[in-house]
Amino acid sequence: MAPRAARWAAVLLALALVVACSDDDSGGSTSSTSSTTTTTVATVAGCGTPVPKVDDRHLVHGSLESSGGTREYIVYVPDSYDPDAPAPVAYVFHGSGSNKEQQLVYSNFMPYAEADGALLVLPDGKGEPRRRWSPLGPAFAGVEGVNDNQFFTDLLAEVESSWCADPARVLVSGMSSGGFMSAAVACTHSSQVTTVGPVAATVWAEPLCGKAEPVPYVYFHGTADPVVPYDGGPNSGGPVLETSQRWADQNGCEGEPVDERIGTEVVHRHWVGCEASTDLYTVEGGCHTWPGAMDTFLGSPTQDIDATAIIWEMFKASWPDDG
């Protein structure tokens, strides 16, 4: 792992291509859904497969043919990965105008992957001049002719056939357009996704989510976000409070949500009596950033919370009791 100063420098360089707050973009609690079953090596097709050669950044580069043509992705492989033990897998989606390598550094899930022997899979979206995600085809600033729900289906199958990937421990997360993508595939693949953690964009739509199963959900959004407005509007999947309430309804939550202030900038809303845990972190005055990240020209993310740590905590809470 690179020293902290080097990692920060890498992020500052990488984020030079990421959407700034003035640009357009396309914008917890423990789970009660833990299974009591264990995924065994015999049930995972990719177990026992030799680990491909990784580069000095712990990365393996891959591609597959899917909707939109040739699709590229990277897999971060921690030293603790065991090809004979089913591993948790986190799929992390970049924001509009960014890419997989930048999102890997910006969200910084690597220490958590290392601690738990997890794989991180980061794909690239399609589109020129800005890569973005298209779970609804060209709707919501998607790319004509691209269906990223199909791409996720294909990517999931490829990863589970090539790696010792535990199908009972699957996280989807992402920033902005990638947050929208993660929320969308959590609905369309609710039987395969075990936790969803969008940042700075989410969605709940009847065509996507109307038949979805409960999925542990944690979301982060700033009230001063000019790219994906907190109160709804262009580039948005709807007002944040309304959208998160729809997720709470999907997750079988009962009663009114409970709000708790964290530090000076964050209000944590959580729902009770849920089939799957449901949480919203509102950053008062927050811009289009990832909470807990370092200051950049994109803005100053709140340091009251660390979105990556919170997402991973919820992800681990959804794991099978003996997984």
C-alpha atoms as a PDB file:
ATOM      1  CA  MET A   1       0.000   0.000   0.000  1.00  0.00           C
ATOM      2  CA  ALA A   2       1.398   3.443  -0.881  1.00  0.00           C
ATOM      3  CA  PRO A   3       2.268   5.842   1.959  1.00  0.00           C
ATOM      4  CA  ARG A   4      -0.485   8.250   2.929  1.00  0.00           C
ATOM      5  CA  ALA A   5       1.175  11.284   1.307  1.00  0.00           C
ATOM      6  CA  ALA A   6       1.666   9.437  -1.945  1.00  0.00           C
ATOM      7  CA  ARG A   7      -1.939   8.244  -1.949  1.00  0.00           C
ATOM      8  CA  TRP A   8      -3.211  11.766  -1.434  1.00  0.00           C
ATOM      9  CA  ALA A   9      -1.057  13.048  -4.263  1.00  0.00           C
ATOM     10  CA  ALA A  10      -2.416  10.286  -6.489  1.00  0.00           C
ATOM     11  CA  VAL A  11      -5.960  11.270  -5.632  1.00  0.00           C
ATOM     12  CA  LEU A  12      -5.370  14.941  -6.382  1.00  0.00           C
ATOM     13  CA  LEU A  13      -3.957  14.004  -9.758  1.00  0.00           C
ATOM     14  CA  ALA A  14      -6.685  11.467 -10.496  1.00  0.00           C
ATOM     15  CA  LEU A  15      -9.516  13.764  -9.568  1.00  0.00           C
ATOM     16  CA  ALA A  16      -8.424  16.320 -12.129  1.00  0.00           C
ATOM     17  CA  LEU A  17     -10.741  14.486 -14.511  1.00  0.00           C
ATOM     18  CA  VAL A  18     -13.591  13.916 -12.071  1.00  0.00           C
ATOM     19  CA  VAL A  19     -16.729  16.050 -12.239  1.00  0.00           C
ATOM     20  CA  ALA A  20     -16.465  19.181 -10.080  1.00  0.00           C
ATOM     21  CA  CYS A  21     -19.360  20.554  -8.057  1.00  0.00           C
ATOM     22  CA  SER A  22     -20.239  23.051 -10.752  1.00  0.00           C
ATOM     23  CA  ASP A  23     -20.304  20.470 -13.571  1.00  0.00           C
ATOM     24  CA  ASP A  24     -23.228  18.415 -14.829  1.00  0.00           C
ATOM     25  CA  ASP A  25     -23.470  14.804 -13.776  1.00  0.00           C
ATOM     26  CA  SER A  26     -25.862  11.991 -14.338  1.00  0.00           C
ATOM     27  CA  GLY A  27     -26.241  11.631 -11.524  1.00  0.00           C
ATOM     28  CA  GLY A  28     -24.738   2.277  10.151  1.00  0.00           C
ATOM     29  CA  SER A  29     -27.051   0.089  11.604  1.00  0.00           C
ATOM     30  CA  THR A  30     -26.851  -3.679  11.566  1.00  0.00           C
ATOM     31  CA  SER A  31     -28.918  -5.641   9.123  1.00  0.00           C
ATOM     32  CA  SER A  32     -31.700  -7.960  10.132  1.00  0.00           C
ATOM     33  CA  THR A  33     -31.338 -10.050   6.963  1.00  0.00           C
ATOM     34  CA  SER A  34     -28.269 -12.141   7.813  1.00  0.00           C
ATOM     35  CA  SER A  35     -28.472 -15.722   6.606  1.00  0.00           C
ATOM     36  CA  THR A  36     -27.412 -18.679   8.697  1.00  0.00           C
ATOM     37  CA  THR A  37     -25.935 -20.564   5.757  1.00  0.00           C
ATOM     38  CA  THR A  38     -22.307 -20.690   4.718  1.00  0.00           C
ATOM     39  CA  THR A  39     -21.057 -20.490   1.149  1.00  0.00           C
ATOM     40  CA  THR A  40     -18.733 -23.428   0.513  1.00  0.00           C
ATOM     41  CA  VAL A  41     -15.947 -23.767  -2.030  1.00  0.00           C
ATOM     42  CA  ALA A  42     -17.952 -26.462  -3.823  1.00  0.00           C
ATOM     43  CA  THR A  43     -20.749 -23.969  -4.619  1.00  0.00           C
ATOM     44  CA  VAL A  44     -18.467 -21.293  -6.129  1.00  0.00           C
ATOM     45  CA  ALA A  45     -17.343 -21.992  -9.677  1.00  0.00           C
ATOM     46  CA  GLY A  46     -14.233 -19.814  -9.526  1.00  0.00           C
ATOM     47  CA  CYS A  47     -12.720 -21.300  -6.369  1.00  0.00           C
ATOM     48  CA  GLY A  48      -9.392 -23.001  -6.922  1.00  0.00           C
ATOM     49  CA  THR A  49      -8.653 -20.835  -9.968  1.00  0.00           C
ATOM     50  CA  PRO A  50      -5.051 -19.598  -9.912  1.00  0.00           C
ATOM     51  CA  VAL A  51      -4.692 -15.887  -9.210  1.00  0.00           C
ATOM     52  CA  PRO A  52      -3.695 -13.997 -12.374  1.00  0.00           C
ATOM     53  CA  LYS A  53      -0.540 -11.933 -12.316  1.00  0.00           C
ATOM     54  CA  VAL A  54      -1.217  -8.679 -10.463  1.00  0.00           C
ATOM     55  CA  ASP A  55       0.594  -5.421 -11.074  1.00  0.00           C
ATOM     56  CA  ASP A  56       2.389  -3.361  -8.438  1.00  0.00           C
ATOM     57  CA  ARG A  57      -0.916  -1.715  -7.482  1.00  0.00           C
ATOM     58  CA  HIS A  58      -2.543  -5.080  -6.679  1.00  0.00           C
ATOM     59  CA  LEU A  59      -4.645  -4.837  -9.867  1.00  0.00           C
ATOM     60  CA  VAL A  60      -5.741  -7.327 -12.495  1.00  0.00           C
ATOM     61  CA  HIS A  61      -7.182  -5.818 -15.682  1.00  0.00           C
ATOM     62  CA  GLY A  62     -10.084  -7.535 -17.429  1.00  0.00           C
ATOM     63  CA  SER A  63     -12.593  -7.042 -20.220  1.00  0.00           C
ATOM     64  CA  LEU A  64     -15.713  -8.719 -21.533  1.00  0.00           C
ATOM     65  CA  GLU A  65     -18.192  -8.294 -24.348  1.00  0.00           C
ATOM     66  CA  SER A  66     -21.521  -6.959 -23.140  1.00  0.00           C
ATOM     67  CA  SER A  67     -23.992  -4.179 -23.826  1.00  0.00           C
ATOM     68  CA  GLY A  68     -22.040  -1.338 -25.401  1.00  0.00           C
ATOM     69  CA  GLY A  69     -19.316  -3.599 -26.810  1.00  0.00           C
ATOM     70  CA  THR A  70     -16.026  -4.293 -25.068  1.00  0.00           C
ATOM     71  CA  ARG A  71     -16.283  -3.383 -21.390  1.00  0.00           C
ATOM     72  CA  GLU A  72     -13.217  -2.924 -19.208  1.00  0.00           C
ATOM     73  CA  TYR A  73     -12.821  -3.435 -15.480  1.00  0.00           C
ATOM     74  CA  ILE A  74     -10.165  -3.869 -12.834  1.00  0.00           C
ATOM     75  CA  VAL A  75     -10.020  -6.204  -9.867  1.00  0.00           C
ATOM     76  CA  TYR A  76      -8.133  -5.111  -6.755  1.00  0.00           C
ATOM     77  CA  VAL A  77      -6.641  -8.260  -5.196  1.00  0.00           C
ATOM     78  CA  PRO A  78      -5.508  -7.918  -1.566  1.00  0.00           C
ATOM     79  CA  ASP A  79      -2.579  -9.930  -0.228  1.00  0.00           C
ATOM     80  CA  SER A  80      -5.088 -11.623   2.078  1.00  0.00           C
ATOM     81  CA  TYR A  81      -7.156 -13.059  -0.807  1.00  0.00           C
ATOM     82  CA  ASP A  82      -7.346 -16.865  -0.668  1.00  0.00           C
ATOM     83  CA  PRO A  83      -8.377 -18.504  -3.979  1.00  0.00           C
ATOM     84  CA  ASP A  84      -9.724 -21.470  -2.017  1.00  0.00           C
ATOM     85  CA  ALA A  85     -11.949 -19.461   0.366  1.00  0.00           C
ATOM     86  CA  PRO A  86     -15.064 -17.665  -0.956  1.00  0.00           C
ATOM     87  CA  ALA A  87     -14.346 -13.941  -0.692  1.00  0.00           C
ATOM     88  CA  PRO A  88     -16.630 -10.936  -0.264  1.00  0.00           C
ATOM     89  CA  VAL A  89     -16.863  -8.817  -3.417  1.00  0.00           C
ATOM     90  CA  ALA A  90     -17.490  -5.067  -3.689  1.00  0.00           C
ATOM     91  CA  TYR A  91     -18.494  -3.562  -7.034  1.00  0.00           C
ATOM     92  CA  VAL A  92     -17.703   0.177  -7.043  1.00  0.00           C
ATOM     93  CA  PHE A  93     -18.881   2.521  -9.822  1.00  0.00           C
ATOM     94  CA  HIS A  94     -17.233   5.816 -10.744  1.00  0.00           C
ATOM     95  CA  GLY A  95     -18.950   9.152 -11.328  1.00  0.00           C
ATOM     96  CA  SER A  96     -19.606  10.801 -14.674  1.00  0.00           C
ATOM     97  CA  GLY A  97     -16.374  11.884 -16.325  1.00  0.00           C
ATOM     98  CA  SER A  98     -14.263   9.765 -13.983  1.00  0.00           C
ATOM     99  CA  ASN A  99     -12.980   6.213 -14.408  1.00  0.00           C
ATOM    100  CA  LYS A 100     -12.321   3.002 -12.533  1.00  0.00           C
ATOM    101  CA  GLU A 101      -8.768   3.831 -11.450  1.00  0.00           C
ATOM    102  CA  GLN A 102      -9.760   7.215 -10.043  1.00  0.00           C
ATOM    103  CA  GLN A 103     -12.707   5.757  -8.148  1.00  0.00           C
ATOM    104  CA  LEU A 104     -10.505   3.050  -6.629  1.00  0.00           C
ATOM    105  CA  VAL A 105      -8.322   5.709  -5.035  1.00  0.00           C
ATOM    106  CA  TYR A 106     -11.069   8.202  -4.189  1.00  0.00           C
ATOM    107  CA  SER A 107     -13.370   5.813  -2.317  1.00  0.00           C
ATOM    108  CA  ASN A 108     -10.372   4.006  -0.720  1.00  0.00           C
ATOM    109  CA  PHE A 109     -11.958   0.643   0.040  1.00  0.00           C
ATOM    110  CA  MET A 110      -8.522  -1.020  -0.211  1.00  0.00           C
ATOM    111  CA  PRO A 111      -7.708  -1.228   3.540  1.00  0.00           C
ATOM    112  CA  TYR A 112     -11.084  -2.864   4.210  1.00  0.00           C
ATOM    113  CA  ALA A 113     -10.594  -5.328   1.369  1.00  0.00           C
ATOM    114  CA  GLU A 114      -7.167  -6.188   2.755  1.00  0.00           C
ATOM    115  CA  ALA A 115      -8.493  -6.726   6.274  1.00  0.00           C
ATOM    116  CA  ASP A 116     -11.292  -9.041   5.118  1.00  0.00           C
ATOM    117  CA  GLY A 117      -9.757 -10.763   2.090  1.00  0.00           C
ATOM    118  CA  ALA A 118     -12.290  -9.074  -0.201  1.00  0.00           C
ATOM    119  CA  LEU A 119     -12.117  -8.424  -3.923  1.00  0.00           C
ATOM    120  CA  LEU A 120     -12.869  -4.951  -5.289  1.00  0.00           C
ATOM    121  CA  VAL A 121     -14.266  -4.838  -8.823  1.00  0.00           C
ATOM    122  CA  LEU A 122     -14.375  -1.464 -10.565  1.00  0.00           C
ATOM    123  CA  PRO A 123     -15.687  -1.238 -14.145  1.00  0.00           C
ATOM    124  CA  ASP A 124     -15.740   1.649 -16.612  1.00  0.00           C
ATOM    125  CA  GLY A 125     -18.943   3.181 -17.924  1.00  0.00           C
ATOM    126  CA  LYS A 126     -19.479   4.114 -21.563  1.00  0.00           C
ATOM    127  CA  GLY A 127     -19.991   7.449 -23.257  1.00  0.00           C
ATOM    128  CA  GLU A 128     -18.069  10.270 -24.908  1.00  0.00           C
ATOM    129  CA  PRO A 129     -16.715  12.673 -23.874  1.00  0.00           C
ATOM    130  CA  ARG A 130     -17.784  11.624 -20.366  1.00  0.00           C
ATOM    131  CA  ARG A 131     -18.095   8.034 -19.187  1.00  0.00           C
ATOM    132  CA  ARG A 132     -21.342   7.470 -17.308  1.00  0.00           C
ATOM    133  CA  TRP A 133     -23.780   4.746 -16.332  1.00  0.00           C
ATOM    134  CA  SER A 134     -26.925   3.663 -18.146  1.00  0.00           C
ATOM    135  CA  PRO A 135     -29.076   1.309 -16.018  1.00  0.00           C
ATOM    136  CA  LEU A 136     -32.146   2.786 -17.722  1.00  0.00           C
ATOM    137  CA  GLY A 137     -30.706   3.003 -21.218  1.00  0.00           C
ATOM    138  CA  PRO A 138     -30.459   6.631 -22.403  1.00  0.00           C
ATOM    139  CA  ALA A 139     -32.787   7.838 -19.602  1.00  0.00           C
ATOM    140  CA  PHE A 140     -31.202   9.890 -16.797  1.00  0.00           C
ATOM    141  CA  ALA A 141     -28.322  11.000 -19.073  1.00  0.00           C
ATOM    142  CA  GLY A 142     -27.469   7.431 -20.023  1.00  0.00           C
ATOM    143  CA  VAL A 143     -25.805   6.331 -23.245  1.00  0.00           C
ATOM    144  CA  GLU A 144     -27.866   5.352 -26.279  1.00  0.00           C
ATOM    145  CA  GLY A 145     -27.644   1.643 -26.995  1.00  0.00           C
ATOM    146  CA  VAL A 146     -26.179   0.747 -23.592  1.00  0.00           C
ATOM    147  CA  ASN A 147     -28.016  -1.275 -20.954  1.00  0.00           C
ATOM    148  CA  ASP A 148     -25.821  -1.391 -17.879  1.00  0.00           C
ATOM    149  CA  ASN A 149     -28.178  -3.716 -16.039  1.00  0.00           C
ATOM    150  CA  GLN A 150     -27.202  -6.325 -18.634  1.00  0.00           C
ATOM    151  CA  PHE A 151     -23.555  -5.393 -18.238  1.00  0.00           C
ATOM    152  CA  PHE A 152     -23.764  -5.923 -14.471  1.00  0.00           C
ATOM    153  CA  THR A 153     -25.375  -9.324 -15.032  1.00  0.00           C
ATOM    154  CA  ASP A 154     -22.509 -10.289 -17.334  1.00  0.00           C
ATOM    155  CA  LEU A 155     -19.828  -8.841 -15.044  1.00  0.00           C
ATOM    156  CA  LEU A 156     -21.244 -10.638 -12.012  1.00  0.00           C
ATOM    157  CA  ALA A 157     -21.201 -13.939 -13.910  1.00  0.00           C
ATOM    158  CA  GLU A 158     -17.646 -13.414 -15.136  1.00  0.00           C
ATOM    159  CA  VAL A 159     -16.309 -12.549 -11.694  1.00  0.00           C
ATOM    160  CA  GLU A 160     -18.038 -15.520 -10.039  1.00  0.00           C
ATOM    161  CA  SER A 161     -16.638 -17.907 -12.660  1.00  0.00           C
ATOM    162  CA  SER A 162     -13.097 -16.489 -12.560  1.00  0.00           C
ATOM    163  CA  TRP A 163     -12.576 -15.767  -8.861  1.00  0.00           C
ATOM    164  CA  CYS A 164     -13.472 -17.405  -5.554  1.00  0.00           C
ATOM    165  CA  ALA A 165     -16.258 -14.874  -5.079  1.00  0.00           C
ATOM    166  CA  ASP A 166     -18.869 -15.443  -2.385  1.00  0.00           C
ATOM    167  CA  PRO A 167     -22.360 -14.861  -3.895  1.00  0.00           C
ATOM    168  CA  ALA A 168     -23.744 -14.351  -0.375  1.00  0.00           C
ATOM    169  CA  ARG A 169     -21.521 -11.290   0.233  1.00  0.00           C
ATOM    170  CA  VAL A 170     -21.909  -8.744  -2.577  1.00  0.00           C
ATOM    171  CA  LEU A 171     -21.692  -4.975  -2.110  1.00  0.00           C
ATOM    172  CA  VAL A 172     -22.506  -2.360  -4.736  1.00  0.00           C
ATOM    173  CA  SER A 173     -21.464   1.247  -4.189  1.00  0.00           C
ATOM    174  CA  GLY A 174     -20.561   4.278  -6.244  1.00  0.00           C
ATOM    175  CA  MET A 175     -20.249   8.029  -6.548  1.00  0.00           C
ATOM    176  CA  SER A 176     -22.762  10.280  -8.329  1.00  0.00           C
ATOM    177  CA  SER A 177     -23.652   8.556 -11.623  1.00  0.00           C
ATOM    178  CA  GLY A 178     -22.088   5.499  -9.998  1.00  0.00           C
ATOM    179  CA  GLY A 179     -24.350   5.937  -6.972  1.00  0.00           C
ATOM    180  CA  PHE A 180     -27.335   5.954  -9.291  1.00  0.00           C
ATOM    181  CA  MET A 181     -25.975   2.816 -10.955  1.00  0.00           C
ATOM    182  CA  SER A 182     -25.433   1.011  -7.653  1.00  0.00           C
ATOM    183  CA  ALA A 183     -28.957   1.789  -6.428  1.00  0.00           C
ATOM    184  CA  ALA A 184     -30.449   0.684  -9.735  1.00  0.00           C
ATOM    185  CA  VAL A 185     -28.665  -2.679  -9.843  1.00  0.00           C
ATOM    186  CA  ALA A 186     -29.469  -3.262  -6.168  1.00  0.00           C
ATOM    187  CA  CYS A 187     -33.108  -3.190  -7.268  1.00  0.00           C
ATOM    188  CA  THR A 188     -32.781  -5.196 -10.470  1.00  0.00           C
ATOM    189  CA  HIS A 189     -30.428  -7.726  -8.832  1.00  0.00           C
ATOM    190  CA  SER A 190     -31.836  -7.665  -5.307  1.00  0.00           C
ATOM    191  CA  SER A 191     -31.506 -11.432  -4.942  1.00  0.00           C
ATOM    192  CA  GLN A 192     -27.769 -11.198  -5.692  1.00  0.00           C
ATOM    193  CA  VAL A 193     -26.782  -7.921  -3.993  1.00  0.00           C
ATOM    194  CA  THR A 194     -26.468  -8.051  -0.207  1.00  0.00           C
ATOM    195  CA  THR A 195     -25.747  -4.357   0.538  1.00  0.00           C
ATOM    196  CA  VAL A 196     -25.959  -1.073  -1.387  1.00  0.00           C
ATOM    197  CA  GLY A 197     -24.121   2.115  -0.462  1.00  0.00           C
ATOM    198  CA  PRO A 198     -24.635   4.969  -2.948  1.00  0.00           C
ATOM    199  CA  VAL A 199     -22.975   8.384  -2.512  1.00  0.00           C
ATOM    200  CA  ALA A 200     -24.269  11.676  -3.977  1.00  0.00           C
ATOM    201  CA  ALA A 201     -26.941  10.084  -6.195  1.00  0.00           C
ATOM    202  CA  THR A 202     -29.544   7.384  -5.724  1.00  0.00           C
ATOM    203  CA  VAL A 203     -32.792   6.231  -7.257  1.00  0.00           C
ATOM    204  CA  TRP A 204     -35.930   4.363  -6.422  1.00  0.00           C
ATOM    205  CA  ALA A 205     -38.182   3.838  -9.425  1.00  0.00           C
ATOM    206  CA  GLU A 206     -41.137   1.503  -9.807  1.00  0.00           C
ATOM    207  CA  PRO A 207     -39.904  -0.088 -13.080  1.00  0.00           C
ATOM    208  CA  LEU A 208     -36.609  -0.956 -11.396  1.00  0.00           C
ATOM    209  CA  CYS A 209     -37.560  -1.558  -7.799  1.00  0.00           C
ATOM    210  CA  GLY A 210     -41.235  -2.470  -7.739  1.00  0.00           C
ATOM    211  CA  LYS A 211     -40.560  -6.209  -7.401  1.00  0.00           C
ATOM    212  CA  ALA A 212     -37.256  -5.981  -5.544  1.00  0.00           C
ATOM    213  CA  GLU A 213     -36.460  -7.833  -2.356  1.00  0.00           C
ATOM    214  CA  PRO A 214     -35.229  -5.945   0.751  1.00  0.00           C
ATOM    215  CA  VAL A 215     -31.556  -4.929   0.510  1.00  0.00           C
ATOM    216  CA  PRO A 216     -29.560  -3.208   3.293  1.00  0.00           C
ATOM    217  CA  TYR A 217     -29.226   0.408   2.161  1.00  0.00           C
ATOM    218  CA  VAL A 218     -27.045   3.311   3.350  1.00  0.00           C
ATOM    219  CA  TYR A 219     -26.927   6.626   1.504  1.00  0.00           C
ATOM    220  CA  PHE A 220     -24.969   9.913   1.745  1.00  0.00           C
ATOM    221  CA  HIS A 221     -25.907  13.292   0.251  1.00  0.00           C
ATOM    222  CA  GLY A 222     -25.088  16.965   0.836  1.00  0.00           C
ATOM    223  CA  THR A 223     -27.814  19.596   1.087  1.00  0.00           C
ATOM    224  CA  ALA A 224     -25.794  22.094  -0.998  1.00  0.00           C
ATOM    225  CA  ASP A 225     -25.014  19.673  -3.832  1.00  0.00           C
ATOM    226  CA  PRO A 226     -25.438  21.696  -7.063  1.00  0.00           C
ATOM    227  CA  VAL A 227     -24.905  18.707  -9.353  1.00  0.00           C
ATOM    228  CA  VAL A 228     -27.528  16.311  -7.995  1.00  0.00           C
ATOM    229  CA  PRO A 229     -29.861  18.582  -5.978  1.00  0.00           C
ATOM    230  CA  TYR A 230     -30.814  17.320  -2.535  1.00  0.00           C
ATOM    231  CA  ASP A 231     -34.419  18.436  -3.017  1.00  0.00           C
ATOM    232  CA  GLY A 232     -34.749  16.857  -6.463  1.00  0.00           C
ATOM    233  CA  GLY A 233     -34.663  18.277  -9.966  1.00  0.00           C
ATOM    234  CA  PRO A 234     -32.422  17.805 -13.029  1.00  0.00           C
ATOM    235  CA  ASN A 235     -29.880  14.976 -12.757  1.00  0.00           C
ATOM    236  CA  SER A 236     -31.715  13.680  -9.701  1.00  0.00           C
ATOM    237  CA  GLY A 237     -33.654  10.515  -8.963  1.00  0.00           C
ATOM    238  CA  GLY A 238     -36.008  12.586  -6.807  1.00  0.00           C
ATOM    239  CA  PRO A 239     -35.846  14.401  -3.453  1.00  0.00           C
ATOM    240  CA  VAL A 240     -33.441  12.597  -1.141  1.00  0.00           C
ATOM    241  CA  LEU A 241     -35.854  12.276   1.777  1.00  0.00           C
ATOM    242  CA  GLU A 242     -38.580  10.866  -0.478  1.00  0.00           C
ATOM    243  CA  THR A 243     -36.267   8.479  -2.305  1.00  0.00           C
ATOM    244  CA  SER A 244     -34.801   7.114   0.909  1.00  0.00           C
ATOM    245  CA  GLN A 245     -38.288   6.683   2.335  1.00  0.00           C
ATOM    246  CA  ARG A 246     -39.143   4.556  -0.689  1.00  0.00           C
ATOM    247  CA  TRP A 247     -36.134   2.381   0.109  1.00  0.00           C
ATOM    248  CA  ALA A 248     -37.353   2.144   3.703  1.00  0.00           C
ATOM    249  CA  ASP A 249     -40.756   1.032   2.434  1.00  0.00           C
ATOM    250  CA  GLN A 250     -39.126  -1.586   0.187  1.00  0.00           C
ATOM    251  CA  ASN A 251     -37.099  -2.792   3.168  1.00  0.00           C
ATOM    252  CA  GLY A 252     -40.221  -3.293   5.280  1.00  0.00           C
ATOM    253  CA  CYS A 253     -39.427  -0.590   7.838  1.00  0.00           C
ATOM    254  CA  GLU A 254     -42.142   0.270  10.340  1.00  0.00           C
ATOM    255  CA  GLY A 255     -42.860   3.561  12.073  1.00  0.00           C
ATOM    256  CA  GLU A 256     -41.226   6.957  11.728  1.00  0.00           C
ATOM    257  CA  PRO A 257     -37.492   7.319  11.142  1.00  0.00           C
ATOM    258  CA  VAL A 258     -35.192   8.470  13.927  1.00  0.00           C
ATOM    259  CA  ASP A 259     -32.739  11.363  13.434  1.00  0.00           C
ATOM    260  CA  GLU A 260     -29.446  11.723  15.285  1.00  0.00           C
ATOM    261  CA  ARG A 261     -26.908  14.517  14.865  1.00  0.00           C
ATOM    262  CA  ILE A 262     -23.295  13.453  14.326  1.00  0.00           C
ATOM    263  CA  GLY A 263     -20.754  16.196  14.885  1.00  0.00           C
ATOM    264  CA  THR A 264     -21.666  19.614  13.513  1.00  0.00           C
ATOM    265  CA  GLU A 265     -22.514  18.799   9.891  1.00  0.00           C
ATOM    266  CA  VAL A 266     -24.245  15.431   9.654  1.00  0.00           C
ATOM    267  CA  VAL A 267     -27.702  14.160  10.513  1.00  0.00           C
ATOM    268  CA  HIS A 268     -28.060  10.377  10.552  1.00  0.00           C
ATOM    269  CA  ARG A 269     -31.586   9.140   9.825  1.00  0.00           C
ATOM    270  CA  HIS A 270     -32.318   5.470  10.411  1.00  0.00           C
ATOM    271  CA  TRP A 271     -35.498   3.502  10.157  1.00  0.00           C
ATOM    272  CA  VAL A 272     -36.631   0.919  12.694  1.00  0.00           C
ATOM    273  CA  GLY A 273     -38.368  -2.442  12.468  1.00  0.00           C
ATOM    274  CA  CYS A 274     -36.851  -3.133   9.053  1.00  0.00           C
ATOM    275  CA  GLU A 275     -36.370  -6.401   7.217  1.00  0.00           C
ATOM    276  CA  ALA A 276     -33.115  -4.846   5.945  1.00  0.00           C
ATOM    277  CA  SER A 277     -31.328  -1.937   7.604  1.00  0.00           C
ATOM    278  CA  THR A 278     -31.973   1.467   6.029  1.00  0.00           C
ATOM    279  CA  ASP A 279     -29.892   4.577   6.756  1.00  0.00           C
ATOM    280  CA  LEU A 280     -29.476   8.084   5.355  1.00  0.00           C
ATOM    281  CA  TYR A 281     -26.611  10.466   6.193  1.00  0.00           C
ATOM    282  CA  THR A 282     -27.436  14.070   5.304  1.00  0.00           C
ATOM    283  CA  VAL A 283     -24.451  16.438   5.189  1.00  0.00           C
ATOM    284  CA  GLU A 284     -25.684  19.934   5.968  1.00  0.00           C
ATOM    285  CA  GLY A 285     -24.040  22.331   3.508  1.00  0.00           C
ATOM    286  CA  GLY A 286     -22.276  19.413   1.860  1.00  0.00           C
ATOM    287  CA  CYS A 287     -21.257  19.565  -1.801  1.00  0.00           C
ATOM    288  CA  HIS A 288     -20.873  16.836  -4.427  1.00  0.00           C
ATOM    289  CA  THR A 289     -18.236  14.874  -2.512  1.00  0.00           C
ATOM    290  CA  TRP A 290     -17.528  11.601  -0.707  1.00  0.00           C
ATOM    291  CA  PRO A 291     -17.716  12.055   3.100  1.00  0.00           C
ATOM    292  CA  GLY A 292     -14.424  11.345   4.799  1.00  0.00           C
ATOM    293  CA  ALA A 293     -12.297  11.915   1.690  1.00  0.00           C
ATOM    294  CA  MET A 294      -9.552  14.553   1.620  1.00  0.00           C
ATOM    295  CA  ASP A 295     -10.044  18.183   0.560  1.00  0.00           C
ATOM    296  CA  THR A 296      -9.637  18.788  -3.164  1.00  0.00           C
ATOM    297  CA  PHE A 297     -10.702  21.434  -5.655  1.00  0.00           C
ATOM    298  CA  LEU A 298     -14.032  19.572  -5.759  1.00  0.00           C
ATOM    299  CA  GLY A 299     -14.838  20.835  -2.292  1.00  0.00           C
ATOM    300  CA  SER A 300     -14.230  19.981   1.327  1.00  0.00           C
ATOM    301  CA  PRO A 301     -15.993  16.739   2.293  1.00  0.00           C
ATOM    302  CA  THR A 302     -17.231  16.532   5.842  1.00  0.00           C
ATOM    303  CA  GLN A 303     -14.870  14.772   8.221  1.00  0.00           C
ATOM    304  CA  ASP A 304     -17.637  14.118  10.745  1.00  0.00           C
ATOM    305  CA  ILE A 305     -18.149  10.714   9.116  1.00  0.00           C
ATOM    306  CA  ASP A 306     -16.278   8.343   6.801  1.00  0.00           C
ATOM    307  CA  ALA A 307     -18.664   7.014   4.149  1.00  0.00           C
ATOM    308  CA  THR A 308     -16.349   4.168   3.183  1.00  0.00           C
ATOM    309  CA  ALA A 309     -16.081   2.904   6.762  1.00  0.00           C
ATOM    310  CA  ILE A 310     -19.848   3.139   7.300  1.00  0.00           C
ATOM    311  CA  ILE A 311     -20.652   1.325   4.048  1.00  0.00           C
ATOM    312  CA  TRP A 312     -18.216  -1.454   4.882  1.00  0.00           C
ATOM    313  CA  GLU A 313     -19.618  -1.796   8.396  1.00  0.00           C
ATOM    314  CA  MET A 314     -23.123  -2.265   7.006  1.00  0.00           C
ATOM    315  CA  PHE A 315     -21.784  -4.678   4.406  1.00  0.00           C
ATOM    316  CA  LYS A 316     -20.169  -6.833   7.098  1.00  0.00           C
ATOM    317  CA  ALA A 317     -23.358  -6.725   9.170  1.00  0.00           C
ATOM    318  CA  SER A 318     -25.195  -8.384   6.258  1.00  0.00           C
ATOM    319  CA  TRP A 319     -22.796 -11.343   6.072  1.00  0.00           C
ATOM    320  CA  PRO A 320     -24.002 -14.794   7.060  1.00  0.00           C
ATOM    321  CA  ASP A 321     -23.598 -15.451  10.765  1.00  0.00           C
ATOM    322  CA  ASP A 322     -20.760 -17.893  10.170  1.00  0.00           C
ATOM    323  CA  GLY A 323     -19.480 -16.291   6.976  1.00  0.00           C
END
